[in-house]
Amino acid sequence: MNNTKFTYTIPQMESIDTTANAFGLSSYTVRKLARSKRGVAFTVKLGNRYLINQAKFAAFLNCEPLEQDTPEPTRPTPSGIQSVPVKL
């Protein structure tokens, strides 16, 4: 067996109401952000409950760039006129 030790940083996850109180926002605002496409960066949904990563939410509010797990693939940009396939 391999005796490798792993260390993990456990994020502080809080409910929508607790996050709203901590940041001085309304629960409605935090809930809307959590359910939006932008909320994917700092929200985890467990069943019907949303948990907010406090550090990532603070970075989001401060307009700091959030870390991406997987970078967007780069596509080569075509130059000139390109043909469009058409089914007849």
N, C-alpha and C. Protein backbone atom coordinates (compact mmCIF):
# COMPACT_ATOMS: atom_id res chain seq x y z
N MET A 1 0.83 -1.19 0.00
CA MET A 1 0.00 0.00 0.00
C MET A 1 0.87 1.25 0.00
N ASN A 2 0.34 2.29 -0.55
CA ASN A 2 1.01 3.58 -0.61
C ASN A 2 0.62 4.40 0.62
N ASN A 3 1.60 4.87 1.37
CA ASN A 3 1.33 5.64 2.58
C ASN A 3 1.42 7.14 2.31
N THR A 4 0.74 7.59 1.30
CA THR A 4 0.74 9.00 0.95
C THR A 4 -0.25 9.74 1.82
N LYS A 5 0.18 10.86 2.38
CA LYS A 5 -0.71 11.68 3.20
C LYS A 5 -1.21 12.85 2.37
N PHE A 6 -2.47 13.13 2.50
CA PHE A 6 -3.08 14.25 1.80
C PHE A 6 -3.50 15.30 2.81
N THR A 7 -3.35 16.55 2.44
CA THR A 7 -3.85 17.63 3.27
C THR A 7 -4.90 18.39 2.47
N TYR A 8 -6.00 18.69 3.11
CA TYR A 8 -7.10 19.38 2.47
C TYR A 8 -7.42 20.66 3.22
N THR A 9 -7.77 21.68 2.47
CA THR A 9 -8.27 22.90 3.06
C THR A 9 -9.79 22.84 2.98
N ILE A 10 -10.43 22.81 4.13
CA ILE A 10 -11.88 22.70 4.17
C ILE A 10 -12.47 24.11 4.14
N PRO A 11 -13.27 24.42 3.12
CA PRO A 11 -13.83 25.77 3.03
C PRO A 11 -14.97 25.95 4.04
N GLN A 12 -15.17 27.20 4.42
CA GLN A 12 -16.28 27.51 5.32
C GLN A 12 -17.53 27.69 4.47
N MET A 13 -18.46 26.76 4.61
CA MET A 13 -19.70 26.78 3.85
C MET A 13 -20.84 27.17 4.80
N GLU A 14 -21.64 28.12 4.37
CA GLU A 14 -22.75 28.60 5.20
C GLU A 14 -24.03 28.62 4.37
N SER A 15 -25.16 28.68 5.07
CA SER A 15 -26.45 28.75 4.41
C SER A 15 -26.67 30.14 3.81
N ILE A 16 -27.73 30.29 3.06
CA ILE A 16 -28.04 31.57 2.43
C ILE A 16 -28.32 32.63 3.48
N ASP A 17 -29.11 32.30 4.51
CA ASP A 17 -29.44 33.28 5.54
C ASP A 17 -28.21 33.72 6.33
N THR A 18 -27.35 32.77 6.68
CA THR A 18 -26.14 33.10 7.43
C THR A 18 -25.21 33.97 6.59
N THR A 19 -25.09 33.65 5.30
CA THR A 19 -24.25 34.44 4.39
C THR A 19 -24.81 35.86 4.24
N ALA A 20 -26.12 35.96 4.11
CA ALA A 20 -26.75 37.28 3.97
C ALA A 20 -26.48 38.13 5.20
N ASN A 21 -26.59 37.57 6.39
CA ASN A 21 -26.33 38.32 7.62
C ASN A 21 -24.86 38.70 7.74
N ALA A 22 -23.97 37.81 7.35
CA ALA A 22 -22.53 38.08 7.47
C ALA A 22 -22.08 39.19 6.54
N PHE A 23 -22.67 39.28 5.33
CA PHE A 23 -22.24 40.27 4.35
C PHE A 23 -23.15 41.49 4.29
N GLY A 24 -24.18 41.52 5.11
CA GLY A 24 -25.08 42.68 5.14
C GLY A 24 -25.96 42.78 3.90
N LEU A 25 -26.33 41.65 3.34
CA LEU A 25 -27.20 41.61 2.17
C LEU A 25 -28.53 40.98 2.54
N SER A 26 -29.51 41.12 1.68
CA SER A 26 -30.78 40.46 1.94
C SER A 26 -30.69 38.99 1.53
N SER A 27 -31.49 38.17 2.16
CA SER A 27 -31.52 36.74 1.80
C SER A 27 -31.97 36.56 0.37
N TYR A 28 -32.88 37.41 -0.08
CA TYR A 28 -33.37 37.34 -1.46
C TYR A 28 -32.23 37.55 -2.45
N THR A 29 -31.36 38.53 -2.19
CA THR A 29 -30.24 38.83 -3.08
C THR A 29 -29.26 37.67 -3.14
N VAL A 30 -28.91 37.13 -2.00
CA VAL A 30 -27.96 36.00 -1.95
C VAL A 30 -28.57 34.78 -2.63
N ARG A 31 -29.85 34.54 -2.42
CA ARG A 31 -30.52 33.40 -3.05
C ARG A 31 -30.53 33.54 -4.57
N LYS A 32 -30.83 34.75 -5.06
CA LYS A 32 -30.82 34.97 -6.51
C LYS A 32 -29.42 34.77 -7.09
N LEU A 33 -28.39 35.25 -6.39
CA LEU A 33 -27.02 35.05 -6.86
C LEU A 33 -26.65 33.57 -6.85
N ALA A 34 -27.05 32.85 -5.82
CA ALA A 34 -26.73 31.42 -5.70
C ALA A 34 -27.36 30.62 -6.82
N ARG A 35 -28.55 31.00 -7.23
CA ARG A 35 -29.26 30.26 -8.28
C ARG A 35 -28.86 30.67 -9.68
N SER A 36 -28.13 31.77 -9.81
CA SER A 36 -27.76 32.28 -11.13
C SER A 36 -26.56 31.51 -11.68
N LYS A 37 -26.23 31.76 -12.94
CA LYS A 37 -25.07 31.13 -13.56
C LYS A 37 -23.78 31.59 -12.90
N ARG A 38 -23.74 32.83 -12.44
CA ARG A 38 -22.55 33.34 -11.75
C ARG A 38 -22.36 32.66 -10.40
N GLY A 39 -23.43 32.17 -9.80
CA GLY A 39 -23.36 31.54 -8.49
C GLY A 39 -22.68 30.18 -8.48
N VAL A 40 -22.49 29.61 -9.65
CA VAL A 40 -21.83 28.30 -9.75
C VAL A 40 -20.43 28.37 -9.17
N ALA A 41 -19.80 29.53 -9.22
CA ALA A 41 -18.42 29.69 -8.75
C ALA A 41 -18.29 29.57 -7.24
N PHE A 42 -19.36 29.84 -6.49
CA PHE A 42 -19.25 29.83 -5.03
C PHE A 42 -20.37 29.08 -4.33
N THR A 43 -21.22 28.39 -5.06
CA THR A 43 -22.39 27.73 -4.48
C THR A 43 -22.35 26.22 -4.71
N VAL A 44 -22.79 25.48 -3.71
CA VAL A 44 -22.97 24.03 -3.82
C VAL A 44 -24.41 23.74 -3.43
N LYS A 45 -25.11 22.97 -4.26
CA LYS A 45 -26.49 22.61 -3.95
C LYS A 45 -26.52 21.18 -3.43
N LEU A 46 -27.04 21.02 -2.24
CA LEU A 46 -27.20 19.70 -1.63
C LEU A 46 -28.68 19.47 -1.40
N GLY A 47 -29.27 18.61 -2.22
CA GLY A 47 -30.70 18.40 -2.13
C GLY A 47 -31.42 19.66 -2.56
N ASN A 48 -32.21 20.24 -1.67
CA ASN A 48 -32.88 21.50 -1.99
C ASN A 48 -32.26 22.66 -1.22
N ARG A 49 -31.07 22.47 -0.72
CA ARG A 49 -30.39 23.48 0.10
C ARG A 49 -29.13 23.98 -0.60
N TYR A 50 -28.90 25.29 -0.54
CA TYR A 50 -27.71 25.90 -1.11
C TYR A 50 -26.72 26.23 -0.01
N LEU A 51 -25.46 25.89 -0.22
CA LEU A 51 -24.39 26.28 0.69
C LEU A 51 -23.43 27.19 -0.06
N ILE A 52 -23.02 28.26 0.60
CA ILE A 52 -22.19 29.28 -0.02
C ILE A 52 -20.79 29.20 0.57
N ASN A 53 -19.77 29.12 -0.31
CA ASN A 53 -18.38 29.17 0.11
C ASN A 53 -18.07 30.63 0.44
N GLN A 54 -17.78 30.90 1.70
CA GLN A 54 -17.63 32.27 2.18
C GLN A 54 -16.45 33.00 1.54
N ALA A 55 -15.32 32.34 1.39
CA ALA A 55 -14.14 32.97 0.81
C ALA A 55 -14.37 33.32 -0.67
N LYS A 56 -14.97 32.40 -1.42
CA LYS A 56 -15.22 32.65 -2.83
C LYS A 56 -16.31 33.69 -3.03
N PHE A 57 -17.29 33.72 -2.12
CA PHE A 57 -18.35 34.72 -2.21
C PHE A 57 -17.78 36.12 -1.95
N ALA A 58 -16.88 36.23 -0.98
CA ALA A 58 -16.24 37.51 -0.69
C ALA A 58 -15.41 37.96 -1.89
N ALA A 59 -14.69 37.03 -2.53
CA ALA A 59 -13.90 37.36 -3.71
C ALA A 59 -14.81 37.81 -4.85
N PHE A 60 -15.96 37.17 -4.98
CA PHE A 60 -16.93 37.54 -6.01
C PHE A 60 -17.43 38.97 -5.79
N LEU A 61 -17.76 39.29 -4.54
CA LEU A 61 -18.25 40.64 -4.23
C LEU A 61 -17.17 41.70 -4.42
N ASN A 62 -15.91 41.33 -4.24
CA ASN A 62 -14.79 42.26 -4.43
C ASN A 62 -14.31 42.31 -5.87
N CYS A 63 -15.03 41.64 -6.78
CA CYS A 63 -14.70 41.61 -8.22
C CYS A 63 -13.32 41.03 -8.48
N GLU A 64 -12.90 40.09 -7.64
CA GLU A 64 -11.63 39.41 -7.87
C GLU A 64 -11.87 38.24 -8.81
N PRO A 65 -10.90 37.92 -9.66
CA PRO A 65 -11.09 36.78 -10.55
C PRO A 65 -11.15 35.48 -9.75
N LEU A 66 -12.13 34.66 -10.07
CA LEU A 66 -12.28 33.38 -9.39
C LEU A 66 -11.51 32.31 -10.13
N GLU A 67 -10.98 31.35 -9.39
CA GLU A 67 -10.22 30.26 -9.99
C GLU A 67 -11.17 29.35 -10.74
N GLN A 68 -10.74 28.92 -11.90
CA GLN A 68 -11.51 27.98 -12.70
C GLN A 68 -10.89 26.60 -12.57
N ASP A 69 -11.73 25.59 -12.39
CA ASP A 69 -11.23 24.23 -12.30
C ASP A 69 -10.64 23.77 -13.63
N THR A 70 -11.36 24.05 -14.71
CA THR A 70 -10.87 23.68 -16.02
C THR A 70 -10.89 24.92 -16.90
N PRO A 71 -9.78 25.22 -17.54
CA PRO A 71 -9.75 26.40 -18.40
C PRO A 71 -10.58 26.18 -19.66
N GLU A 72 -11.08 27.26 -20.21
CA GLU A 72 -11.83 27.18 -21.45
C GLU A 72 -10.90 26.75 -22.58
N PRO A 73 -11.36 25.85 -23.42
CA PRO A 73 -10.50 25.44 -24.54
C PRO A 73 -10.37 26.59 -25.53
N THR A 74 -9.19 26.73 -26.09
CA THR A 74 -8.97 27.77 -27.08
C THR A 74 -9.27 27.21 -28.46
N ARG A 75 -10.02 27.96 -29.21
CA ARG A 75 -10.39 27.54 -30.55
C ARG A 75 -9.63 28.40 -31.55
N PRO A 76 -9.12 27.77 -32.58
CA PRO A 76 -8.44 28.58 -33.59
C PRO A 76 -9.45 29.46 -34.31
N THR A 77 -9.08 30.69 -34.55
CA THR A 77 -9.98 31.60 -35.24
C THR A 77 -9.77 31.45 -36.74
N PRO A 78 -10.86 31.18 -37.45
CA PRO A 78 -10.72 31.04 -38.91
C PRO A 78 -10.52 32.42 -39.53
N SER A 79 -9.75 32.43 -40.59
CA SER A 79 -9.53 33.70 -41.31
C SER A 79 -10.11 33.56 -42.71
N GLY A 80 -10.67 34.63 -43.18
CA GLY A 80 -11.24 34.61 -44.53
C GLY A 80 -12.65 34.08 -44.54
N ILE A 81 -13.12 33.80 -45.73
CA ILE A 81 -14.49 33.30 -45.92
C ILE A 81 -14.48 31.78 -45.71
N GLN A 82 -15.39 31.30 -44.91
CA GLN A 82 -15.51 29.87 -44.63
C GLN A 82 -16.80 29.34 -45.24
N SER A 83 -16.76 28.12 -45.76
CA SER A 83 -17.97 27.52 -46.31
C SER A 83 -18.86 27.02 -45.17
N VAL A 84 -20.16 27.06 -45.43
CA VAL A 84 -21.13 26.62 -44.45
C VAL A 84 -21.79 25.36 -45.00
N PRO A 85 -21.72 24.23 -44.26
CA PRO A 85 -22.35 23.02 -44.77
C PRO A 85 -23.88 23.15 -44.71
N VAL A 86 -24.52 22.77 -45.80
CA VAL A 86 -25.98 22.89 -45.90
C VAL A 86 -26.54 21.54 -46.31
N LYS A 87 -27.59 21.09 -45.60
CA LYS A 87 -28.29 19.86 -45.98
C LYS A 87 -29.45 20.22 -46.86
N LEU A 88 -29.54 19.57 -48.00
CA LEU A 88 -30.67 19.83 -48.91
C LEU A 88 -31.59 18.66 -48.94
